[in-house]
Amino acid sequence: MSGIYTKILLITAFGFLLVGNVQASDANLSRTIDGMDIYMGITHANKTEENKVQKMTLIQDIKGKKHHVTVALFDNKSGTRITDVKVTAIIGEMGLSSNRKKLKPEKYGEAVSFGRDFYISKEGPYWIDLKIKRNGIKQATLTRFEWKHY
């Protein structure tokens, strides 16, 4: 199967995982930069963990609900998945503080993406900065997304 068809199949499968959790602004969470196709998804945390999240909110004064951020990277020319990277995400509310985390590799079958849980406090606009450092390439890729939480 050629690279482009593999990419389309993987993106479609990833989209089915998000059914029911996709938000209107999610269509803006992809782009091509520095020879990479970047696809990001943001979903609500698993419902079974909702009580744990509420307890953490009360005990640690963490505001908001847990959301999972996932980033998939592909080579723009060949369509092959990029896994030899370190990805850092910084999420912040417009004009307010931010939260920075290194994303961890996550396997979905044979496919590797990068993800981590973040607490998102309220509805409204957020910015998401990604820093992607590929092995063997001196300069990191920096890109900013804007996302509206409903």
N, C-alpha and C. Protein backbone atom coordinates (compact mmCIF):
# COMPACT_ATOMS: atom_id res chain seq x y z
N MET A 1 0.85 -1.17 0.00
CA MET A 1 0.00 0.00 0.00
C MET A 1 0.89 1.23 0.00
N SER A 2 0.61 2.21 -0.83
CA SER A 2 1.47 3.39 -0.92
C SER A 2 1.34 4.24 0.34
N GLY A 3 2.31 5.12 0.56
CA GLY A 3 2.38 5.95 1.76
C GLY A 3 1.15 6.82 1.96
N ILE A 4 0.62 7.43 0.90
CA ILE A 4 -0.52 8.32 1.04
C ILE A 4 -1.77 7.55 1.45
N TYR A 5 -1.95 6.33 0.91
CA TYR A 5 -3.11 5.53 1.29
C TYR A 5 -3.00 5.05 2.73
N THR A 6 -1.80 4.72 3.15
CA THR A 6 -1.58 4.32 4.54
C THR A 6 -1.92 5.47 5.47
N LYS A 7 -1.47 6.68 5.09
CA LYS A 7 -1.74 7.85 5.92
C LYS A 7 -3.24 8.11 6.01
N ILE A 8 -3.94 8.04 4.89
CA ILE A 8 -5.39 8.27 4.88
C ILE A 8 -6.10 7.23 5.75
N LEU A 9 -5.69 5.98 5.64
CA LEU A 9 -6.28 4.91 6.44
C LEU A 9 -6.05 5.16 7.93
N LEU A 10 -4.84 5.53 8.31
CA LEU A 10 -4.52 5.79 9.72
C LEU A 10 -5.28 6.99 10.26
N ILE A 11 -5.37 8.04 9.47
CA ILE A 11 -6.10 9.23 9.91
C ILE A 11 -7.58 8.92 10.07
N THR A 12 -8.14 8.16 9.13
CA THR A 12 -9.54 7.77 9.23
C THR A 12 -9.78 6.92 10.48
N ALA A 13 -8.90 5.96 10.73
CA ALA A 13 -9.04 5.11 11.92
C ALA A 13 -8.92 5.94 13.19
N PHE A 14 -7.97 6.88 13.21
CA PHE A 14 -7.80 7.76 14.37
C PHE A 14 -9.07 8.59 14.57
N GLY A 15 -9.66 9.05 13.47
CA GLY A 15 -10.90 9.83 13.56
C GLY A 15 -12.03 9.04 14.17
N PHE A 16 -12.14 7.74 13.83
CA PHE A 16 -13.19 6.91 14.41
C PHE A 16 -13.01 6.75 15.92
N LEU A 17 -11.77 6.75 16.39
CA LEU A 17 -11.52 6.67 17.83
C LEU A 17 -12.05 7.90 18.55
N LEU A 18 -12.10 9.02 17.85
CA LEU A 18 -12.51 10.27 18.46
C LEU A 18 -13.99 10.57 18.31
N VAL A 19 -14.74 9.72 17.61
CA VAL A 19 -16.16 9.98 17.38
C VAL A 19 -16.86 10.23 18.70
N GLY A 20 -17.64 11.27 18.76
CA GLY A 20 -18.33 11.65 19.98
C GLY A 20 -17.51 12.62 20.82
N ASN A 21 -16.23 12.72 20.57
CA ASN A 21 -15.39 13.63 21.34
C ASN A 21 -14.79 14.74 20.48
N VAL A 22 -14.98 14.66 19.19
CA VAL A 22 -14.41 15.67 18.30
C VAL A 22 -15.16 16.97 18.48
N GLN A 23 -14.42 18.05 18.53
CA GLN A 23 -15.04 19.35 18.68
C GLN A 23 -14.89 20.13 17.38
N ALA A 24 -15.70 21.15 17.22
CA ALA A 24 -15.73 21.89 15.95
C ALA A 24 -14.37 22.43 15.57
N SER A 25 -13.57 22.84 16.53
CA SER A 25 -12.28 23.44 16.20
C SER A 25 -11.21 22.41 15.89
N ASP A 26 -11.49 21.12 16.06
CA ASP A 26 -10.48 20.09 15.83
C ASP A 26 -10.00 20.06 14.38
N ALA A 27 -10.81 20.53 13.45
CA ALA A 27 -10.40 20.53 12.05
C ALA A 27 -9.16 21.40 11.84
N ASN A 28 -8.89 22.33 12.74
CA ASN A 28 -7.74 23.22 12.63
C ASN A 28 -6.50 22.65 13.29
N LEU A 29 -6.54 21.44 13.77
CA LEU A 29 -5.43 20.87 14.52
C LEU A 29 -4.54 19.99 13.66
N SER A 30 -4.30 20.44 12.45
CA SER A 30 -3.35 19.74 11.58
C SER A 30 -2.66 20.77 10.70
N ARG A 31 -1.44 20.44 10.31
CA ARG A 31 -0.68 21.30 9.40
C ARG A 31 0.56 20.59 8.92
N THR A 32 1.17 21.17 7.89
CA THR A 32 2.44 20.67 7.38
C THR A 32 3.50 21.73 7.63
N ILE A 33 4.61 21.31 8.23
CA ILE A 33 5.72 22.23 8.52
C ILE A 33 7.01 21.42 8.57
N ASP A 34 8.07 21.98 8.07
CA ASP A 34 9.40 21.34 8.09
C ASP A 34 9.38 19.90 7.59
N GLY A 35 8.60 19.64 6.53
CA GLY A 35 8.55 18.31 5.94
C GLY A 35 7.73 17.30 6.72
N MET A 36 6.99 17.77 7.74
CA MET A 36 6.17 16.88 8.56
C MET A 36 4.70 17.26 8.45
N ASP A 37 3.84 16.25 8.37
CA ASP A 37 2.40 16.44 8.53
C ASP A 37 2.11 16.18 10.01
N ILE A 38 1.51 17.17 10.67
CA ILE A 38 1.21 17.08 12.10
C ILE A 38 -0.30 16.98 12.25
N TYR A 39 -0.75 15.96 12.98
CA TYR A 39 -2.17 15.78 13.29
C TYR A 39 -2.31 15.69 14.80
N MET A 40 -3.17 16.53 15.36
CA MET A 40 -3.38 16.54 16.80
C MET A 40 -4.84 16.29 17.12
N GLY A 41 -5.10 15.53 18.17
CA GLY A 41 -6.44 15.29 18.64
C GLY A 41 -6.52 15.59 20.13
N ILE A 42 -7.67 16.11 20.58
CA ILE A 42 -7.88 16.40 21.99
C ILE A 42 -9.21 15.78 22.37
N THR A 43 -9.19 14.88 23.36
CA THR A 43 -10.41 14.19 23.79
C THR A 43 -10.58 14.35 25.29
N HIS A 44 -11.81 14.21 25.74
CA HIS A 44 -12.08 14.21 27.17
C HIS A 44 -11.52 12.94 27.79
N ALA A 45 -11.16 13.00 29.07
CA ALA A 45 -10.65 11.83 29.76
C ALA A 45 -11.73 10.76 29.83
N ASN A 46 -11.30 9.55 30.04
CA ASN A 46 -12.20 8.41 30.18
C ASN A 46 -13.20 8.67 31.30
N LYS A 47 -14.46 8.40 31.05
CA LYS A 47 -15.52 8.63 32.04
C LYS A 47 -15.27 7.86 33.34
N THR A 48 -14.60 6.71 33.27
CA THR A 48 -14.38 5.93 34.49
C THR A 48 -13.43 6.64 35.45
N GLU A 49 -12.69 7.63 34.94
CA GLU A 49 -11.76 8.36 35.80
C GLU A 49 -12.36 9.68 36.30
N GLU A 50 -13.62 9.94 35.98
CA GLU A 50 -14.21 11.22 36.35
C GLU A 50 -14.20 11.46 37.85
N ASN A 51 -14.53 10.45 38.66
CA ASN A 51 -14.52 10.63 40.11
C ASN A 51 -13.12 10.96 40.61
N LYS A 52 -12.10 10.27 40.07
CA LYS A 52 -10.72 10.53 40.45
C LYS A 52 -10.34 11.98 40.13
N VAL A 53 -10.76 12.45 38.96
CA VAL A 53 -10.46 13.83 38.55
C VAL A 53 -11.12 14.81 39.51
N GLN A 54 -12.39 14.55 39.89
CA GLN A 54 -13.09 15.46 40.80
C GLN A 54 -12.41 15.48 42.16
N LYS A 55 -11.95 14.31 42.67
CA LYS A 55 -11.24 14.27 43.94
C LYS A 55 -9.94 15.05 43.86
N MET A 56 -9.20 14.89 42.74
CA MET A 56 -7.95 15.63 42.57
C MET A 56 -8.22 17.13 42.53
N THR A 57 -9.33 17.52 41.92
CA THR A 57 -9.66 18.93 41.85
C THR A 57 -9.88 19.49 43.24
N LEU A 58 -10.58 18.74 44.08
CA LEU A 58 -10.84 19.20 45.44
C LEU A 58 -9.58 19.20 46.30
N ILE A 59 -8.78 18.12 46.21
CA ILE A 59 -7.61 17.98 47.07
C ILE A 59 -6.48 18.90 46.63
N GLN A 60 -6.17 18.94 45.35
CA GLN A 60 -5.00 19.67 44.87
C GLN A 60 -5.35 21.04 44.31
N ASP A 61 -6.61 21.42 44.37
CA ASP A 61 -7.07 22.69 43.82
C ASP A 61 -6.74 22.83 42.33
N ILE A 62 -6.74 21.69 41.62
CA ILE A 62 -6.55 21.72 40.17
C ILE A 62 -7.90 22.03 39.56
N LYS A 63 -7.93 23.01 38.75
CA LYS A 63 -9.19 23.41 38.13
C LYS A 63 -9.33 22.72 36.78
N GLY A 64 -10.53 22.23 36.51
CA GLY A 64 -10.79 21.69 35.19
C GLY A 64 -10.88 20.18 35.13
N LYS A 65 -11.13 19.71 33.93
CA LYS A 65 -11.26 18.28 33.65
C LYS A 65 -10.07 17.82 32.85
N LYS A 66 -9.78 16.54 32.97
CA LYS A 66 -8.64 15.97 32.26
C LYS A 66 -8.99 15.74 30.80
N HIS A 67 -8.09 16.15 29.92
CA HIS A 67 -8.19 15.94 28.48
C HIS A 67 -6.91 15.27 28.02
N HIS A 68 -7.03 14.41 27.01
CA HIS A 68 -5.85 13.74 26.47
C HIS A 68 -5.49 14.37 25.13
N VAL A 69 -4.24 14.77 25.01
CA VAL A 69 -3.72 15.36 23.77
C VAL A 69 -2.87 14.30 23.08
N THR A 70 -3.16 14.05 21.81
CA THR A 70 -2.41 13.08 21.01
C THR A 70 -1.89 13.76 19.75
N VAL A 71 -0.61 13.50 19.44
CA VAL A 71 0.02 14.06 18.24
C VAL A 71 0.58 12.92 17.40
N ALA A 72 0.20 12.90 16.12
CA ALA A 72 0.74 11.93 15.17
C ALA A 72 1.53 12.70 14.12
N LEU A 73 2.71 12.18 13.79
CA LEU A 73 3.62 12.85 12.86
C LEU A 73 3.92 11.94 11.67
N PHE A 74 3.92 12.52 10.46
CA PHE A 74 4.20 11.77 9.24
C PHE A 74 5.17 12.56 8.38
N ASP A 75 6.03 11.84 7.66
CA ASP A 75 6.90 12.46 6.68
C ASP A 75 6.02 12.94 5.53
N ASN A 76 6.15 14.21 5.17
CA ASN A 76 5.29 14.82 4.17
C ASN A 76 5.45 14.19 2.79
N LYS A 77 6.62 13.72 2.44
CA LYS A 77 6.84 13.16 1.10
C LYS A 77 6.50 11.68 1.01
N SER A 78 6.96 10.88 1.98
CA SER A 78 6.77 9.43 1.90
C SER A 78 5.49 8.95 2.58
N GLY A 79 4.95 9.74 3.50
CA GLY A 79 3.77 9.32 4.24
C GLY A 79 4.07 8.39 5.40
N THR A 80 5.35 8.10 5.64
CA THR A 80 5.69 7.20 6.74
C THR A 80 5.60 7.94 8.07
N ARG A 81 5.25 7.20 9.09
CA ARG A 81 5.12 7.76 10.42
C ARG A 81 6.49 8.13 10.97
N ILE A 82 6.57 9.28 11.64
CA ILE A 82 7.81 9.74 12.25
C ILE A 82 7.76 9.40 13.74
N THR A 83 8.76 8.65 14.20
CA THR A 83 8.78 8.23 15.61
C THR A 83 10.07 8.60 16.32
N ASP A 84 11.08 9.06 15.58
CA ASP A 84 12.38 9.38 16.16
C ASP A 84 12.42 10.84 16.63
N VAL A 85 11.49 11.20 17.51
CA VAL A 85 11.34 12.59 17.95
C VAL A 85 11.09 12.67 19.45
N LYS A 86 11.28 13.87 19.97
CA LYS A 86 10.84 14.24 21.31
C LYS A 86 9.85 15.38 21.10
N VAL A 87 8.66 15.24 21.70
CA VAL A 87 7.61 16.23 21.50
C VAL A 87 7.24 16.84 22.85
N THR A 88 7.23 18.16 22.91
CA THR A 88 6.78 18.88 24.10
C THR A 88 5.57 19.72 23.71
N ALA A 89 4.55 19.71 24.56
CA ALA A 89 3.36 20.52 24.33
C ALA A 89 3.21 21.52 25.47
N ILE A 90 2.84 22.73 25.11
CA ILE A 90 2.53 23.77 26.09
C ILE A 90 1.13 24.25 25.77
N ILE A 91 0.22 24.13 26.74
CA ILE A 91 -1.17 24.52 26.54
C ILE A 91 -1.49 25.64 27.51
N GLY A 92 -2.08 26.71 27.00
CA GLY A 92 -2.44 27.82 27.87
C GLY A 92 -3.71 28.50 27.42
N GLU A 93 -4.37 29.13 28.38
CA GLU A 93 -5.53 29.95 28.06
C GLU A 93 -5.03 31.28 27.53
N MET A 94 -5.77 31.85 26.61
CA MET A 94 -5.37 33.13 26.04
C MET A 94 -5.21 34.16 27.16
N GLY A 95 -4.01 34.71 27.28
CA GLY A 95 -3.73 35.75 28.26
C GLY A 95 -3.48 35.26 29.67
N LEU A 96 -3.50 33.95 29.89
CA LEU A 96 -3.30 33.41 31.24
C LEU A 96 -2.13 32.44 31.26
N SER A 97 -2.01 31.68 32.34
CA SER A 97 -0.88 30.78 32.52
C SER A 97 -0.94 29.58 31.57
N SER A 98 0.17 28.82 31.55
CA SER A 98 0.26 27.67 30.65
C SER A 98 0.74 26.44 31.41
N ASN A 99 0.62 25.29 30.77
CA ASN A 99 1.04 24.01 31.33
C ASN A 99 1.91 23.31 30.29
N ARG A 100 3.14 22.94 30.68
CA ARG A 100 4.11 22.34 29.75
C ARG A 100 4.36 20.89 30.15
N LYS A 101 4.32 19.98 29.14
CA LYS A 101 4.61 18.57 29.39
C LYS A 101 5.29 17.95 28.19
N LYS A 102 6.20 17.01 28.46
CA LYS A 102 6.77 16.19 27.40
C LYS A 102 5.75 15.11 27.08
N LEU A 103 5.46 14.94 25.80
CA LEU A 103 4.51 13.92 25.40
C LEU A 103 5.22 12.57 25.36
N LYS A 104 4.50 11.54 25.75
CA LYS A 104 5.06 10.19 25.81
C LYS A 104 4.65 9.39 24.58
N PRO A 105 5.54 8.51 24.10
CA PRO A 105 5.15 7.64 22.97
C PRO A 105 3.99 6.72 23.39
N GLU A 106 3.03 6.56 22.50
CA GLU A 106 1.87 5.70 22.73
C GLU A 106 1.70 4.81 21.50
N LYS A 107 1.55 3.52 21.73
CA LYS A 107 1.37 2.58 20.62
C LYS A 107 -0.10 2.27 20.43
N TYR A 108 -0.53 2.36 19.18
CA TYR A 108 -1.87 1.96 18.77
C TYR A 108 -1.65 0.90 17.70
N GLY A 109 -1.62 -0.37 18.11
CA GLY A 109 -1.22 -1.43 17.19
C GLY A 109 0.26 -1.25 16.91
N GLU A 110 0.62 -1.13 15.65
CA GLU A 110 2.02 -0.89 15.26
C GLU A 110 2.33 0.60 15.15
N ALA A 111 1.31 1.45 15.19
CA ALA A 111 1.50 2.88 15.02
C ALA A 111 1.91 3.54 16.33
N VAL A 112 2.84 4.49 16.26
CA VAL A 112 3.29 5.23 17.44
C VAL A 112 2.89 6.69 17.28
N SER A 113 2.20 7.20 18.29
CA SER A 113 1.88 8.62 18.39
C SER A 113 2.44 9.10 19.72
N PHE A 114 2.21 10.35 20.04
CA PHE A 114 2.72 10.93 21.28
C PHE A 114 1.57 11.60 22.00
N GLY A 115 1.45 11.36 23.32
CA GLY A 115 0.31 11.92 24.03
C GLY A 115 0.56 12.14 25.50
N ARG A 116 -0.36 12.85 26.12
CA ARG A 116 -0.29 13.14 27.55
C ARG A 116 -1.61 13.76 27.98
N ASP A 117 -1.92 13.63 29.27
CA ASP A 117 -3.13 14.25 29.82
C ASP A 117 -2.82 15.66 30.31
N PHE A 118 -3.77 16.57 30.07
CA PHE A 118 -3.70 17.96 30.53
C PHE A 118 -5.02 18.29 31.20
N TYR A 119 -4.98 19.19 32.18
CA TYR A 119 -6.21 19.71 32.77
C TYR A 119 -6.57 20.99 32.04
N ILE A 120 -7.79 21.06 31.54
CA ILE A 120 -8.27 22.23 30.84
C ILE A 120 -9.43 22.78 31.66
N SER A 121 -9.27 24.02 32.11
CA SER A 121 -10.12 24.52 33.18
C SER A 121 -11.51 24.99 32.76
N LYS A 122 -11.64 25.57 31.59
CA LYS A 122 -12.96 26.10 31.26
C LYS A 122 -13.11 26.22 29.75
N GLU A 123 -14.32 26.52 29.33
CA GLU A 123 -14.58 26.73 27.92
C GLU A 123 -13.90 28.02 27.47
N GLY A 124 -13.50 28.03 26.22
CA GLY A 124 -12.90 29.25 25.68
C GLY A 124 -11.67 28.95 24.84
N PRO A 125 -10.99 30.00 24.41
CA PRO A 125 -9.85 29.83 23.52
C PRO A 125 -8.57 29.45 24.27
N TYR A 126 -7.80 28.58 23.65
CA TYR A 126 -6.50 28.14 24.17
C TYR A 126 -5.49 28.19 23.04
N TRP A 127 -4.22 28.28 23.39
CA TRP A 127 -3.14 28.10 22.42
C TRP A 127 -2.37 26.85 22.82
N ILE A 128 -1.89 26.15 21.81
CA ILE A 128 -1.13 24.93 22.02
C ILE A 128 0.15 25.04 21.21
N ASP A 129 1.27 25.12 21.91
CA ASP A 129 2.57 25.16 21.24
C ASP A 129 3.16 23.76 21.24
N LEU A 130 3.67 23.34 20.10
CA LEU A 130 4.38 22.07 20.00
C LEU A 130 5.84 22.35 19.66
N LYS A 131 6.72 21.68 20.38
CA LYS A 131 8.15 21.69 20.06
C LYS A 131 8.50 20.26 19.69
N ILE A 132 8.96 20.07 18.45
CA ILE A 132 9.26 18.73 17.94
C ILE A 132 10.74 18.69 17.61
N LYS A 133 11.47 17.84 18.31
CA LYS A 133 12.92 17.71 18.11
C LYS A 133 13.19 16.34 17.53
N ARG A 134 13.59 16.33 16.24
CA ARG A 134 13.90 15.07 15.56
C ARG A 134 15.35 14.69 15.81
N ASN A 135 15.60 13.39 15.97
CA ASN A 135 16.97 12.90 16.12
C ASN A 135 17.76 13.22 14.85
N GLY A 136 18.97 13.71 15.03
CA GLY A 136 19.84 13.98 13.91
C GLY A 136 19.60 15.32 13.22
N ILE A 137 18.61 16.08 13.66
CA ILE A 137 18.34 17.40 13.07
C ILE A 137 18.55 18.44 14.16
N LYS A 138 19.42 19.41 13.88
CA LYS A 138 19.83 20.37 14.90
C LYS A 138 18.68 21.27 15.37
N GLN A 139 17.92 21.80 14.44
CA GLN A 139 16.87 22.77 14.76
C GLN A 139 15.55 22.07 15.10
N ALA A 140 14.93 22.45 16.21
CA ALA A 140 13.61 21.92 16.57
C ALA A 140 12.54 22.65 15.75
N THR A 141 11.44 21.97 15.52
CA THR A 141 10.28 22.57 14.86
C THR A 141 9.36 23.12 15.93
N LEU A 142 8.98 24.38 15.79
CA LEU A 142 8.05 25.03 16.71
C LEU A 142 6.82 25.45 15.94
N THR A 143 5.65 25.15 16.49
CA THR A 143 4.42 25.56 15.83
C THR A 143 3.34 25.80 16.88
N ARG A 144 2.44 26.72 16.60
CA ARG A 144 1.36 27.07 17.52
C ARG A 144 0.01 26.81 16.86
N PHE A 145 -0.88 26.19 17.63
CA PHE A 145 -2.26 25.97 17.23
C PHE A 145 -3.16 26.79 18.14
N GLU A 146 -4.29 27.19 17.62
CA GLU A 146 -5.33 27.79 18.46
C GLU A 146 -6.49 26.83 18.49
N TRP A 147 -7.05 26.63 19.69
CA TRP A 147 -8.12 25.65 19.88
C TRP A 147 -9.17 26.25 20.79
N LYS A 148 -10.41 26.06 20.45
CA LYS A 148 -11.51 26.57 21.27
C LYS A 148 -12.18 25.40 21.96
N HIS A 149 -12.19 25.43 23.28
CA HIS A 149 -12.81 24.38 24.10
C HIS A 149 -14.28 24.74 24.29
N TYR A 150 -15.17 23.79 23.92
CA TYR A 150 -16.62 23.99 24.08
C TYR A 150 -17.13 23.22 25.26
